[in-house]
Protein backbone atom coordinates (compact mmCIF):
# COMPACT_ATOMS: atom_id res chain seq x y z
CA UNK A 1 -3.40 -33.15 79.86
CA UNK A 2 -4.45 -30.22 77.66
CA UNK A 3 -4.51 -27.99 80.77
CA UNK A 4 -0.94 -28.99 81.64
CA UNK A 5 0.30 -28.13 78.14
CA UNK A 6 -1.54 -24.83 78.24
CA UNK A 7 0.14 -23.93 81.57
CA UNK A 8 3.57 -24.95 80.26
CA UNK A 9 3.13 -22.82 77.13
CA UNK A 10 1.89 -19.94 79.24
CA UNK A 11 4.89 -20.26 81.58
CA UNK A 12 7.28 -20.46 78.63
CA UNK A 13 5.71 -17.35 77.07
CA UNK A 14 6.02 -15.47 80.37
CA UNK A 15 9.68 -16.50 80.72
CA UNK A 16 10.53 -15.46 77.14
CA UNK A 17 8.76 -12.14 77.64
CA UNK A 18 10.83 -11.50 80.77
CA UNK A 19 14.10 -12.39 78.99
CA UNK A 20 13.31 -10.08 76.07
CA UNK A 21 12.94 -7.11 78.44
CA UNK A 22 16.33 -7.60 80.16
CA UNK A 23 18.56 -6.01 77.48
CA UNK A 24 16.57 -2.79 77.70
CA UNK A 25 17.39 -2.33 81.39
CA UNK A 26 20.51 -0.24 80.61
CA UNK A 27 23.21 -2.77 81.32
CA UNK A 28 25.67 -4.66 79.17
CA UNK A 29 25.06 -5.75 75.65
CA UNK A 30 27.60 -3.76 73.68
CA UNK A 31 27.56 -0.32 75.23
CA UNK A 32 25.38 1.38 72.64
CA UNK A 33 23.37 4.48 73.49
CA UNK A 34 20.51 2.72 71.68
CA UNK A 35 20.58 -0.01 74.33
CA UNK A 36 19.37 2.40 77.03
CA UNK A 37 22.87 3.54 78.01
CA UNK A 38 23.69 7.25 78.35
CA UNK A 39 26.37 6.93 75.64
CA UNK A 40 28.02 4.49 73.30
CA UNK A 41 31.37 3.54 74.86
CA UNK A 42 34.52 1.70 73.81
CA UNK A 43 37.81 1.23 75.62
CA UNK A 44 41.25 0.76 74.09
CA UNK A 45 44.52 -0.24 75.75
CA UNK A 46 47.80 0.34 73.94
CA UNK A 47 49.98 -1.61 74.05
CA UNK A 48 48.17 -4.62 75.48
CA UNK A 49 51.32 -6.44 76.59
CA UNK A 50 54.07 -4.62 78.51
CA UNK A 51 57.08 -5.26 80.70
CA UNK A 52 56.88 -4.50 84.40
CA UNK A 53 57.65 -0.78 84.82
CA UNK A 54 56.31 0.16 81.36
CA UNK A 55 53.21 2.25 80.71
CA UNK A 56 50.00 1.75 78.77
CA UNK A 57 47.60 4.33 77.41
CA UNK A 58 43.94 3.81 78.20
CA UNK A 59 41.47 5.57 75.91
CA UNK A 60 37.75 5.65 76.59
CA UNK A 61 35.67 6.85 73.65
CA UNK A 62 32.17 8.13 74.39
CA UNK A 63 29.87 8.74 71.42
CA UNK A 64 26.21 9.55 71.05
CA UNK A 65 26.22 11.10 74.52
CA UNK A 66 22.63 11.87 75.47
CA UNK A 67 23.70 15.23 76.88
CA UNK A 68 20.25 16.81 77.06
CA UNK A 69 18.82 13.89 79.05
CA UNK A 70 21.18 14.09 82.06
CA UNK A 71 23.23 16.61 84.04
CA UNK A 72 26.33 14.45 84.19
CA UNK A 73 28.01 11.14 83.60
CA UNK A 74 30.13 9.01 85.89
CA UNK A 75 32.61 6.98 83.85
CA UNK A 76 33.85 4.00 85.89
CA UNK A 77 36.94 2.09 84.80
CA UNK A 78 37.79 -1.20 86.53
CA UNK A 79 41.44 -2.35 86.37
CA UNK A 80 43.58 -4.94 88.11
CA UNK A 81 45.25 -3.52 91.24
CA UNK A 82 48.74 -4.19 89.86
CA UNK A 83 48.36 -1.26 87.46
CA UNK A 84 49.28 2.13 88.92
CA UNK A 85 47.90 5.49 87.81
CA UNK A 86 50.41 8.02 86.46
CA UNK A 87 49.66 11.26 88.30
CA UNK A 88 48.17 14.11 86.21
CA UNK A 89 47.98 11.95 83.07
CA UNK A 90 44.17 11.98 82.63
CA UNK A 91 42.75 14.28 80.00
CA UNK A 92 39.27 14.91 78.71
CA UNK A 93 39.00 15.79 75.04
CA UNK A 94 35.84 17.35 73.68
CA UNK A 95 35.34 18.28 70.01
CA UNK A 96 36.30 21.86 69.19
CA UNK A 97 37.39 22.39 72.81
CA UNK A 98 40.67 22.67 74.56
CA UNK A 99 41.74 19.42 76.16
CA UNK A 100 42.06 19.69 79.88
CA UNK A 101 43.54 17.61 82.64
CA UNK A 102 41.25 16.23 85.28
CA UNK A 103 41.80 13.79 88.08
CA UNK A 104 39.92 10.57 88.67
CA UNK A 105 38.79 9.43 92.07
CA UNK A 106 40.56 6.12 92.67
CA UNK A 107 38.84 3.51 94.83
CA UNK A 108 40.63 0.31 95.87
CA UNK A 109 38.76 -2.98 95.89
CA UNK A 110 39.85 -6.60 96.31
CA UNK A 111 42.60 -7.10 93.71
CA UNK A 112 41.16 -4.22 91.64
CA UNK A 113 40.91 -0.46 91.33
CA UNK A 114 38.04 1.71 90.16
CA UNK A 115 38.87 4.96 88.40
CA UNK A 116 35.90 7.32 88.55
CA UNK A 117 35.57 10.30 86.21
CA UNK A 118 32.80 12.91 86.19
CA UNK A 119 31.73 14.65 82.99
CA UNK A 120 29.34 17.59 83.20
CA UNK A 121 27.10 17.14 80.15
CA UNK A 122 26.81 20.92 79.80
CA UNK A 123 30.35 20.71 78.32
CA UNK A 124 29.23 18.28 75.60
CA UNK A 125 28.42 19.82 72.23
CA UNK A 126 24.89 18.95 71.16
CA UNK A 127 25.78 18.79 67.45
CA UNK A 128 28.78 16.52 68.12
CA UNK A 129 28.03 14.62 71.37
CA UNK A 130 31.28 12.80 72.02
CA UNK A 131 34.25 12.85 74.36
CA UNK A 132 37.46 10.95 74.97
CA UNK A 133 39.16 10.25 78.28
CA UNK A 134 42.81 9.23 78.08
CA UNK A 135 45.18 8.32 80.91
CA UNK A 136 48.33 6.35 81.62
CA UNK A 137 48.81 3.29 83.79
CA UNK A 138 52.05 1.60 84.77
CA UNK A 139 52.56 -2.14 85.14
CA UNK A 140 53.87 -2.46 88.70
CA UNK A 141 54.35 -6.23 88.70
CA UNK A 142 53.61 -9.36 86.70
CA UNK A 143 50.00 -9.77 85.60
CA UNK A 144 48.53 -12.65 83.63
CA UNK A 145 46.24 -11.55 80.81
CA UNK A 146 43.45 -9.66 82.57
CA UNK A 147 40.50 -7.47 81.72
CA UNK A 148 40.03 -3.72 81.97
CA UNK A 149 36.40 -2.67 81.65
CA UNK A 150 34.32 0.49 81.58
CA UNK A 151 30.78 1.44 82.60
CA UNK A 152 28.94 4.75 82.24
CA UNK A 153 26.13 5.89 84.53
CA UNK A 154 24.05 9.04 84.73
CA UNK A 155 24.09 11.40 87.68
CA UNK A 156 22.66 14.77 88.68
CA UNK A 157 25.96 15.96 90.15
CA UNK A 158 29.53 14.85 90.84
CA UNK A 159 28.73 12.14 93.39
CA UNK A 160 31.92 10.08 93.03
CA UNK A 161 32.41 10.31 96.81
CA UNK A 162 29.32 8.13 97.35
CA UNK A 163 30.75 5.22 95.30
CA UNK A 164 31.05 1.97 97.29
CA UNK A 165 32.84 -1.20 96.18
CA UNK A 166 30.30 -3.38 97.99
CA UNK A 167 27.66 -2.14 95.54
CA UNK A 168 29.52 -0.61 92.59
CA UNK A 169 26.54 -0.75 90.21
CA UNK A 170 29.02 -1.73 87.53
CA UNK A 171 27.97 -3.37 84.28
CA UNK A 172 30.84 -3.59 81.77
CA UNK A 173 29.88 -1.88 78.52
CA UNK A 174 33.27 -2.38 76.90
CA UNK A 175 36.38 -4.40 77.79
CA UNK A 176 40.01 -4.76 76.74
CA UNK A 177 42.82 -7.03 77.85
CA UNK A 178 46.19 -6.24 79.41
CA UNK A 179 49.20 -8.37 80.34
CA UNK A 180 52.32 -7.39 82.28
CA UNK A 181 55.34 -9.65 81.93
CA UNK A 182 58.51 -9.66 84.01
CA UNK A 183 61.24 -7.56 82.46
């Protein structure tokens, strides 16, 4: 009997040890750079409820970018497919820099779209390691309250062309909701 209890306690300890390591694997859990992510990230959608044909502004705030650790970042935004991208609306804002327009790579998936942005970390100021990506989406048709989410991964170069929806390696670090109503 004592041996059985000892094995159960040992198994429980092993399980708890495994669970405690999971948050440090770089995924989920609030999007903090302290959680093993390449940056702290938040996403905002404004307004969150629109009529069909209206536009929303998506803002992705990256802070605490670990710019010296990596050559680049791929910022992946997952949206419902009923939201359409407004051409040439994406901008990247860096502190003490001129904002500039840059285009996402858009990849269609089942009932969803991925917007992929590449940021060369050489552009990020070491004394103020933050950036903001802003772009517009249009509500093309009715959409019940749904989620827009963002993930950030490291990369050595702009490899957005290798992204595959079958294996998106997407762990939401921040989410926001959106709803499109009939006008």
